[in-house]
């Protein structure tokens, strides 16, 4: 119920069932994600990798060395 509220508030659509992205509505495959953390985030938010990069920033290439 909270997920539907958030999806409607932010994206103007219902929280999708497994297999689609909330921001684009496109099909999503587990292989589309960069790592396990991104796959877990998809389960919570239904954001595809592109959507996650937009929301959280695309910092996977930052080197701290």
PDB file of N, CA and C in Angstrom:
ATOM      1  N   UNK A   1       0.822  -1.182   0.000  1.00  0.00           N
ATOM      2  CA  UNK A   1       0.000   0.000   0.000  1.00  0.00           C
ATOM      3  C   UNK A   1       0.877   1.261   0.000  1.00  0.00           C
ATOM      4  N   UNK A   2       1.909   1.291   0.836  1.00  0.00           N
ATOM      5  CA  UNK A   2       2.819   2.434   0.858  1.00  0.00           C
ATOM      6  C   UNK A   2       3.574   2.529  -0.464  1.00  0.00           C
ATOM      7  N   UNK A   3       3.944   1.389  -1.024  1.00  0.00           N
ATOM      8  CA  UNK A   3       4.660   1.399  -2.303  1.00  0.00           C
ATOM      9  C   UNK A   3       3.790   1.980  -3.404  1.00  0.00           C
ATOM     10  N   UNK A   4       2.502   1.634  -3.419  1.00  0.00           N
ATOM     11  CA  UNK A   4       1.600   2.193  -4.418  1.00  0.00           C
ATOM     12  C   UNK A   4       1.477   3.695  -4.238  1.00  0.00           C
ATOM     13  N   UNK A   5       1.389   4.152  -2.999  1.00  0.00           N
ATOM     14  CA  UNK A   5       1.290   5.586  -2.731  1.00  0.00           C
ATOM     15  C   UNK A   5       2.523   6.315  -3.266  1.00  0.00           C
ATOM     16  N   UNK A   6       3.698   5.784  -2.948  1.00  0.00           N
ATOM     17  CA  UNK A   6       4.939   6.421  -3.402  1.00  0.00           C
ATOM     18  C   UNK A   6       5.054   6.394  -4.919  1.00  0.00           C
ATOM     19  N   UNK A   7       4.739   5.269  -5.542  1.00  0.00           N
ATOM     20  CA  UNK A   7       4.811   5.170  -7.003  1.00  0.00           C
ATOM     21  C   UNK A   7       3.838   6.149  -7.656  1.00  0.00           C
ATOM     22  N   UNK A   8       2.641   6.269  -7.108  1.00  0.00           N
ATOM     23  CA  UNK A   8       1.665   7.221  -7.647  1.00  0.00           C
ATOM     24  C   UNK A   8       2.118   8.654  -7.435  1.00  0.00           C
ATOM     25  N   UNK A   9       2.674   8.938  -6.281  1.00  0.00           N
ATOM     26  CA  UNK A   9       3.113  10.292  -5.974  1.00  0.00           C
ATOM     27  C   UNK A   9       4.276  10.725  -6.863  1.00  0.00           C
ATOM     28  N   UNK A  10       5.260   9.856  -7.022  1.00  0.00           N
ATOM     29  CA  UNK A  10       6.467  10.213  -7.766  1.00  0.00           C
ATOM     30  C   UNK A  10       6.301  10.027  -9.271  1.00  0.00           C
ATOM     31  N   UNK A  11       5.722   8.890  -9.676  1.00  0.00           N
ATOM     32  CA  UNK A  11       5.680   8.552 -11.105  1.00  0.00           C
ATOM     33  C   UNK A  11       4.283   8.608 -11.717  1.00  0.00           C
ATOM     34  N   UNK A  12       3.266   8.776 -10.890  1.00  0.00           N
ATOM     35  CA  UNK A  12       1.904   8.847 -11.408  1.00  0.00           C
ATOM     36  C   UNK A  12       1.378   7.522 -11.910  1.00  0.00           C
ATOM     37  N   UNK A  13       1.932   6.412 -11.393  1.00  0.00           N
ATOM     38  CA  UNK A  13       1.476   5.086 -11.791  1.00  0.00           C
ATOM     39  C   UNK A  13       1.539   4.125 -10.618  1.00  0.00           C
ATOM     40  N   UNK A  14       0.880   2.994 -10.783  1.00  0.00           N
ATOM     41  CA  UNK A  14       0.870   1.962  -9.757  1.00  0.00           C
ATOM     42  C   UNK A  14       2.240   1.312  -9.619  1.00  0.00           C
ATOM     43  N   UNK A  15       2.541   0.817  -8.419  1.00  0.00           N
ATOM     44  CA  UNK A  15       3.762   0.056  -8.176  1.00  0.00           C
ATOM     45  C   UNK A  15       3.687  -1.208  -9.020  1.00  0.00           C
ATOM     46  N   UNK A  16       4.648  -1.430  -9.914  1.00  0.00           N
ATOM     47  CA  UNK A  16       4.553  -2.564 -10.843  1.00  0.00           C
ATOM     48  C   UNK A  16       4.839  -3.902 -10.178  1.00  0.00           C
ATOM     49  N   UNK A  17       4.312  -4.933 -10.793  1.00  0.00           N
ATOM     50  CA  UNK A  17       4.643  -6.283 -10.369  1.00  0.00           C
ATOM     51  C   UNK A  17       6.057  -6.590 -10.854  1.00  0.00           C
ATOM     52  N   UNK A  18       6.621  -7.679 -10.377  1.00  0.00           N
ATOM     53  CA  UNK A  18       7.970  -8.062 -10.809  1.00  0.00           C
ATOM     54  C   UNK A  18       8.077  -8.080 -12.324  1.00  0.00           C
ATOM     55  N   UNK A  19       9.209  -7.608 -12.789  1.00  0.00           N
ATOM     56  CA  UNK A  19       9.485  -7.703 -14.209  1.00  0.00           C
ATOM     57  C   UNK A  19       9.447  -6.400 -14.975  1.00  0.00           C
ATOM     58  N   UNK A  20       8.932  -5.332 -14.364  1.00  0.00           N
ATOM     59  CA  UNK A  20       8.912  -4.041 -15.050  1.00  0.00           C
ATOM     60  C   UNK A  20       9.459  -2.953 -14.135  1.00  0.00           C
ATOM     61  N   UNK A  21       9.838  -1.849 -14.742  1.00  0.00           N
ATOM     62  CA  UNK A  21      10.405  -0.712 -14.017  1.00  0.00           C
ATOM     63  C   UNK A  21       9.307   0.315 -13.736  1.00  0.00           C
ATOM     64  N   UNK A  22       9.325   0.894 -12.547  1.00  0.00           N
ATOM     65  CA  UNK A  22       8.330   1.894 -12.176  1.00  0.00           C
ATOM     66  C   UNK A  22       8.522   3.206 -12.937  1.00  0.00           C
ATOM     67  N   UNK A  23       9.746   3.556 -13.270  1.00  0.00           N
ATOM     68  CA  UNK A  23       9.958   4.856 -13.913  1.00  0.00           C
ATOM     69  C   UNK A  23       9.757   4.809 -15.424  1.00  0.00           C
ATOM     70  N   UNK A  24      10.099   3.711 -16.063  1.00  0.00           N
ATOM     71  CA  UNK A  24       9.995   3.614 -17.520  1.00  0.00           C
ATOM     72  C   UNK A  24       8.908   2.656 -17.993  1.00  0.00           C
ATOM     73  N   UNK A  25       8.506   1.733 -17.131  1.00  0.00           N
ATOM     74  CA  UNK A  25       7.501   0.751 -17.515  1.00  0.00           C
ATOM     75  C   UNK A  25       8.041  -0.344 -18.426  1.00  0.00           C
ATOM     76  N   UNK A  26       9.350  -0.365 -18.608  1.00  0.00           N
ATOM     77  CA  UNK A  26       9.966  -1.360 -19.496  1.00  0.00           C
ATOM     78  C   UNK A  26      10.266  -2.642 -18.733  1.00  0.00           C
ATOM     79  N   UNK A  27      10.355  -3.759 -19.460  1.00  0.00           N
ATOM     80  CA  UNK A  27      10.757  -5.021 -18.830  1.00  0.00           C
ATOM     81  C   UNK A  27      12.174  -4.920 -18.273  1.00  0.00           C
ATOM     82  N   UNK A  28      12.401  -5.589 -17.151  1.00  0.00           N
ATOM     83  CA  UNK A  28      13.698  -5.573 -16.482  1.00  0.00           C
ATOM     84  C   UNK A  28      14.173  -7.007 -16.299  1.00  0.00           C
ATOM     85  N   UNK A  29      15.443  -7.246 -16.609  1.00  0.00           N
ATOM     86  CA  UNK A  29      16.069  -8.546 -16.373  1.00  0.00           C
ATOM     87  C   UNK A  29      17.095  -8.391 -15.271  1.00  0.00           C
ATOM     88  N   UNK A  30      17.291  -9.437 -14.479  1.00  0.00           N
ATOM     89  CA  UNK A  30      18.276  -9.386 -13.399  1.00  0.00           C
ATOM     90  C   UNK A  30      19.670  -9.080 -13.933  1.00  0.00           C
ATOM     91  N   UNK A  31      19.956  -9.487 -15.145  1.00  0.00           N
ATOM     92  CA  UNK A  31      21.276  -9.225 -15.732  1.00  0.00           C
ATOM     93  C   UNK A  31      21.478  -7.754 -16.093  1.00  0.00           C
ATOM     94  N   UNK A  32      20.409  -6.957 -16.058  1.00  0.00           N
ATOM     95  CA  UNK A  32      20.510  -5.528 -16.347  1.00  0.00           C
ATOM     96  C   UNK A  32      21.194  -4.757 -15.223  1.00  0.00           C
ATOM     97  N   UNK A  33      21.270  -5.364 -14.033  1.00  0.00           N
ATOM     98  CA  UNK A  33      21.784  -4.649 -12.875  1.00  0.00           C
ATOM     99  C   UNK A  33      23.275  -4.835 -12.712  1.00  0.00           C
ATOM    100  N   UNK A  34      23.906  -3.820 -12.187  1.00  0.00           N
ATOM    101  CA  UNK A  34      25.352  -3.753 -12.027  1.00  0.00           C
ATOM    102  C   UNK A  34      25.865  -4.711 -10.959  1.00  0.00           C
ATOM    103  N   UNK A  35      25.104  -4.852  -9.858  1.00  0.00           N
ATOM    104  CA  UNK A  35      25.575  -5.662  -8.741  1.00  0.00           C
ATOM    105  C   UNK A  35      24.393  -6.129  -7.891  1.00  0.00           C
ATOM    106  N   UNK A  36      24.704  -6.914  -6.838  1.00  0.00           N
ATOM    107  CA  UNK A  36      23.657  -7.442  -5.967  1.00  0.00           C
ATOM    108  C   UNK A  36      22.889  -6.336  -5.251  1.00  0.00           C
ATOM    109  N   UNK A  37      23.578  -5.287  -4.854  1.00  0.00           N
ATOM    110  CA  UNK A  37      22.908  -4.177  -4.172  1.00  0.00           C
ATOM    111  C   UNK A  37      21.871  -3.517  -5.080  1.00  0.00           C
ATOM    112  N   UNK A  38      22.193  -3.367  -6.343  1.00  0.00           N
ATOM    113  CA  UNK A  38      21.242  -2.790  -7.307  1.00  0.00           C
ATOM    114  C   UNK A  38      20.055  -3.714  -7.520  1.00  0.00           C
ATOM    115  N   UNK A  39      20.296  -5.023  -7.548  1.00  0.00           N
ATOM    116  CA  UNK A  39      19.195  -5.983  -7.673  1.00  0.00           C
ATOM    117  C   UNK A  39      18.282  -5.919  -6.457  1.00  0.00           C
ATOM    118  N   UNK A  40      18.859  -5.777  -5.271  1.00  0.00           N
ATOM    119  CA  UNK A  40      18.053  -5.661  -4.047  1.00  0.00           C
ATOM    120  C   UNK A  40      17.243  -4.374  -4.058  1.00  0.00           C
ATOM    121  N   UNK A  41      17.833  -3.290  -4.530  1.00  0.00           N
ATOM    122  CA  UNK A  41      17.108  -2.016  -4.609  1.00  0.00           C
ATOM    123  C   UNK A  41      15.919  -2.137  -5.548  1.00  0.00           C
ATOM    124  N   UNK A  42      16.076  -2.885  -6.640  1.00  0.00           N
ATOM    125  CA  UNK A  42      14.960  -3.089  -7.561  1.00  0.00           C
ATOM    126  C   UNK A  42      13.791  -3.768  -6.857  1.00  0.00           C
ATOM    127  N   UNK A  43      14.084  -4.747  -6.013  1.00  0.00           N
ATOM    128  CA  UNK A  43      13.027  -5.452  -5.287  1.00  0.00           C
ATOM    129  C   UNK A  43      12.252  -4.470  -4.408  1.00  0.00           C
ATOM    130  N   UNK A  44      12.952  -3.526  -3.806  1.00  0.00           N
ATOM    131  CA  UNK A  44      12.318  -2.551  -2.919  1.00  0.00           C
ATOM    132  C   UNK A  44      11.573  -1.476  -3.701  1.00  0.00           C
ATOM    133  N   UNK A  45      12.219  -0.904  -4.692  1.00  0.00           N
ATOM    134  CA  UNK A  45      11.686   0.298  -5.349  1.00  0.00           C
ATOM    135  C   UNK A  45      11.147   0.081  -6.758  1.00  0.00           C
ATOM    136  N   UNK A  46      11.515  -1.031  -7.386  1.00  0.00           N
ATOM    137  CA  UNK A  46      11.189  -1.322  -8.792  1.00  0.00           C
ATOM    138  C   UNK A  46      11.833  -0.322  -9.753  1.00  0.00           C
ATOM    139  N   UNK A  47      12.955   0.273  -9.331  1.00  0.00           N
ATOM    140  CA  UNK A  47      13.719   1.151 -10.217  1.00  0.00           C
ATOM    141  C   UNK A  47      14.728   0.322 -10.997  1.00  0.00           C
ATOM    142  N   UNK A  48      14.754   0.490 -12.316  1.00  0.00           N
ATOM    143  CA  UNK A  48      15.751  -0.164 -13.150  1.00  0.00           C
ATOM    144  C   UNK A  48      17.128   0.441 -12.854  1.00  0.00           C
ATOM    145  N   UNK A  49      18.179  -0.097 -13.437  1.00  0.00           N
ATOM    146  CA  UNK A  49      19.525   0.428 -13.186  1.00  0.00           C
ATOM    147  C   UNK A  49      19.627   1.885 -13.608  1.00  0.00           C
ATOM    148  N   UNK A  50      19.050   2.214 -14.758  1.00  0.00           N
ATOM    149  CA  UNK A  50      19.072   3.605 -15.221  1.00  0.00           C
ATOM    150  C   UNK A  50      18.360   4.526 -14.240  1.00  0.00           C
ATOM    151  N   UNK A  51      17.211   4.079 -13.738  1.00  0.00           N
ATOM    152  CA  UNK A  51      16.476   4.870 -12.758  1.00  0.00           C
ATOM    153  C   UNK A  51      17.245   5.030 -11.460  1.00  0.00           C
ATOM    154  N   UNK A  52      17.892   3.954 -11.009  1.00  0.00           N
ATOM    155  CA  UNK A  52      18.702   4.030  -9.795  1.00  0.00           C
ATOM    156  C   UNK A  52      19.852   5.004  -9.983  1.00  0.00           C
ATOM    157  N   UNK A  53      20.492   4.970 -11.142  1.00  0.00           N
ATOM    158  CA  UNK A  53      21.603   5.884 -11.412  1.00  0.00           C
ATOM    159  C   UNK A  53      21.134   7.339 -11.397  1.00  0.00           C
ATOM    160  N   UNK A  54      19.932   7.578 -11.880  1.00  0.00           N
ATOM    161  CA  UNK A  54      19.380   8.925 -11.878  1.00  0.00           C
ATOM    162  C   UNK A  54      19.073   9.389 -10.462  1.00  0.00           C
ATOM    163  N   UNK A  55      18.459   8.523  -9.673  1.00  0.00           N
ATOM    164  CA  UNK A  55      18.053   8.887  -8.318  1.00  0.00           C
ATOM    165  C   UNK A  55      19.244   8.972  -7.367  1.00  0.00           C
ATOM    166  N   UNK A  56      20.110   7.965  -7.412  1.00  0.00           N
ATOM    167  CA  UNK A  56      21.189   7.865  -6.434  1.00  0.00           C
ATOM    168  C   UNK A  56      22.538   8.345  -6.959  1.00  0.00           C
ATOM    169  N   UNK A  57      22.624   8.601  -8.237  1.00  0.00           N
ATOM    170  CA  UNK A  57      23.897   9.002  -8.845  1.00  0.00           C
ATOM    171  C   UNK A  57      24.597   7.816  -9.442  1.00  0.00           C
ATOM    172  N   UNK A  58      25.303   8.057 -10.497  1.00  0.00           N
ATOM    173  CA  UNK A  58      26.023   7.007 -11.227  1.00  0.00           C
ATOM    174  C   UNK A  58      27.486   7.077 -10.824  1.00  0.00           C
ATOM    175  N   UNK A  59      27.792   6.574  -9.621  1.00  0.00           N
ATOM    176  CA  UNK A  59      29.154   6.699  -9.109  1.00  0.00           C
ATOM    177  C   UNK A  59      29.918   5.377  -9.123  1.00  0.00           C
ATOM    178  N   UNK A  60      29.475   4.420  -9.912  1.00  0.00           N
ATOM    179  CA  UNK A  60      30.123   3.112  -9.905  1.00  0.00           C
ATOM    180  C   UNK A  60      31.537   3.157 -10.486  1.00  0.00           C
ATOM    181  N   UNK A  61      31.873   4.216 -11.166  1.00  0.00           N
ATOM    182  CA  UNK A  61      33.210   4.320 -11.763  1.00  0.00           C
ATOM    183  C   UNK A  61      34.159   5.171 -10.931  1.00  0.00           C
ATOM    184  N   UNK A  62      33.665   5.726  -9.836  1.00  0.00           N
ATOM    185  CA  UNK A  62      34.534   6.553  -8.998  1.00  0.00           C
ATOM    186  C   UNK A  62      35.586   5.691  -8.327  1.00  0.00           C
ATOM    187  N   UNK A  63      36.819   6.092  -8.428  1.00  0.00           N
ATOM    188  CA  UNK A  63      37.919   5.393  -7.766  1.00  0.00           C
ATOM    189  C   UNK A  63      38.368   6.199  -6.567  1.00  0.00           C
ATOM    190  N   UNK A  64      38.462   5.544  -5.436  1.00  0.00           N
ATOM    191  CA  UNK A  64      38.905   6.194  -4.214  1.00  0.00           C
ATOM    192  C   UNK A  64      40.395   6.006  -4.009  1.00  0.00           C
ATOM    193  N   UNK A  65      41.080   5.270  -4.888  1.00  0.00           N
ATOM    194  CA  UNK A  65      42.494   4.935  -4.697  1.00  0.00           C
ATOM    195  C   UNK A  65      43.378   6.143  -4.826  1.00  0.00           C
TER     196      UNK A  65
END
